[in-house]
Amino acid sequence: MKKSILAAGISLLLVFPGAAAEPTTLNGRMERVEDVLYGETRSGSLTERITSADNLISVSYTHLTLPT
């Protein structure tokens, strides 16, 4: 579930590009996500950076109920 939220956030960033050119690599896209989340680009492996962003965005939907 968390990965799908992160993927949706990345997709939104790519659908609505800012003034800068759209990144073409996964690393470039992750840098854009980090700029939005942290205000700066982080260092480290791509896997660690994705996990860190995923942990920050973690959302629980258990409190929601479906209409009957």
C-alpha atoms as a PDB file:
ATOM      1  CA  MET A   1       0.000   0.000   0.000  1.00  0.00           C
ATOM      2  CA  LYS A   2       2.774   2.423   0.916  1.00  0.00           C
ATOM      3  CA  LYS A   3       4.650   1.708  -2.303  1.00  0.00           C
ATOM      4  CA  SER A   4       1.536   2.510  -4.331  1.00  0.00           C
ATOM      5  CA  ILE A   5       1.184   5.859  -2.554  1.00  0.00           C
ATOM      6  CA  LEU A   6       4.812   6.674  -3.271  1.00  0.00           C
ATOM      7  CA  ALA A   7       4.339   5.634  -6.907  1.00  0.00           C
ATOM      8  CA  ALA A   8       1.249   7.847  -7.155  1.00  0.00           C
ATOM      9  CA  GLY A   9       3.192  10.776  -5.720  1.00  0.00           C
ATOM     10  CA  ILE A  10       6.007  10.278  -8.188  1.00  0.00           C
ATOM     11  CA  SER A  11       3.487  10.009 -11.020  1.00  0.00           C
ATOM     12  CA  LEU A  12       1.880  13.290 -10.004  1.00  0.00           C
ATOM     13  CA  LEU A  13       5.256  14.993 -10.037  1.00  0.00           C
ATOM     14  CA  LEU A  14       5.817  13.738 -13.563  1.00  0.00           C
ATOM     15  CA  VAL A  15       2.349  14.700 -14.816  1.00  0.00           C
ATOM     16  CA  PHE A  16       2.665  18.246 -13.482  1.00  0.00           C
ATOM     17  CA  PRO A  17       6.299  19.153 -14.148  1.00  0.00           C
ATOM     18  CA  GLY A  18       7.708  22.308 -12.618  1.00  0.00           C
ATOM     19  CA  ALA A  19       9.801  24.924 -14.361  1.00  0.00           C
ATOM     20  CA  ALA A  20      12.787  22.568 -14.506  1.00  0.00           C
ATOM     21  CA  ALA A  21      13.200  19.963 -17.211  1.00  0.00           C
ATOM     22  CA  GLU A  22      11.612  16.605 -16.495  1.00  0.00           C
ATOM     23  CA  PRO A  23      14.135  14.068 -15.202  1.00  0.00           C
ATOM     24  CA  THR A  24      14.655  11.060 -17.445  1.00  0.00           C
ATOM     25  CA  THR A  25      16.367   8.674 -15.009  1.00  0.00           C
ATOM     26  CA  LEU A  26      15.053   6.977 -11.885  1.00  0.00           C
ATOM     27  CA  ASN A  27      17.731   8.739  -9.864  1.00  0.00           C
ATOM     28  CA  GLY A  28      16.657  12.093 -11.301  1.00  0.00           C
ATOM     29  CA  ARG A  29      13.035  11.373 -10.444  1.00  0.00           C
ATOM     30  CA  MET A  30      13.968  10.391  -6.903  1.00  0.00           C
ATOM     31  CA  GLU A  31      15.904  13.640  -6.542  1.00  0.00           C
ATOM     32  CA  ARG A  32      12.735  15.532  -7.471  1.00  0.00           C
ATOM     33  CA  VAL A  33      10.702  13.580  -4.889  1.00  0.00           C
ATOM     34  CA  GLU A  34      13.338  14.314  -2.233  1.00  0.00           C
ATOM     35  CA  ASP A  35      13.284  18.003  -3.109  1.00  0.00           C
ATOM     36  CA  VAL A  36       9.536  18.020  -2.450  1.00  0.00           C
ATOM     37  CA  LEU A  37       9.700  15.941   0.739  1.00  0.00           C
ATOM     38  CA  TYR A  38      12.893  17.228   2.362  1.00  0.00           C
ATOM     39  CA  GLY A  39      13.746  20.443   0.519  1.00  0.00           C
ATOM     40  CA  GLU A  40      17.060  18.950  -0.572  1.00  0.00           C
ATOM     41  CA  THR A  41      18.510  15.918  -2.313  1.00  0.00           C
ATOM     42  CA  ARG A  42      19.725  13.163   0.008  1.00  0.00           C
ATOM     43  CA  SER A  43      22.811  11.034  -0.453  1.00  0.00           C
ATOM     44  CA  GLY A  44      23.100   7.259  -0.183  1.00  0.00           C
ATOM     45  CA  SER A  45      21.939   4.300  -2.186  1.00  0.00           C
ATOM     46  CA  LEU A  46      18.747   4.599  -4.206  1.00  0.00           C
ATOM     47  CA  THR A  47      17.165   1.761  -2.223  1.00  0.00           C
ATOM     48  CA  GLU A  48      17.822   3.526   1.089  1.00  0.00           C
ATOM     49  CA  ARG A  49      16.490   6.805  -0.266  1.00  0.00           C
ATOM     50  CA  ILE A  50      13.275   5.186  -1.528  1.00  0.00           C
ATOM     51  CA  THR A  51      12.788   3.386   1.798  1.00  0.00           C
ATOM     52  CA  SER A  52      13.302   6.640   3.693  1.00  0.00           C
ATOM     53  CA  ALA A  53      10.728   8.460   1.547  1.00  0.00           C
ATOM     54  CA  ASP A  54       8.339   5.515   1.874  1.00  0.00           C
ATOM     55  CA  ASN A  55       8.622   5.588   5.680  1.00  0.00           C
ATOM     56  CA  LEU A  56       7.929   9.331   5.718  1.00  0.00           C
ATOM     57  CA  ILE A  57       4.818   8.973   3.563  1.00  0.00           C
ATOM     58  CA  SER A  58       3.423   5.946   5.386  1.00  0.00           C
ATOM     59  CA  VAL A  59      -0.324   6.338   5.757  1.00  0.00           C
ATOM     60  CA  SER A  60      -2.803   4.134   7.554  1.00  0.00           C
ATOM     61  CA  TYR A  61      -6.301   3.777   6.167  1.00  0.00           C
ATOM     62  CA  THR A  62      -7.569   1.473   8.915  1.00  0.00           C
ATOM     63  CA  HIS A  63      -9.672   4.268  10.433  1.00  0.00           C
ATOM     64  CA  LEU A  64     -11.759   4.597   7.267  1.00  0.00           C
ATOM     65  CA  THR A  65     -14.974   2.666   6.872  1.00  0.00           C
ATOM     66  CA  LEU A  66     -16.706   1.712   3.669  1.00  0.00           C
ATOM     67  CA  PRO A  67     -20.239   2.958   3.120  1.00  0.00           C
ATOM     68  CA  THR A  68     -22.893   0.271   3.581  1.00  0.00           C
END
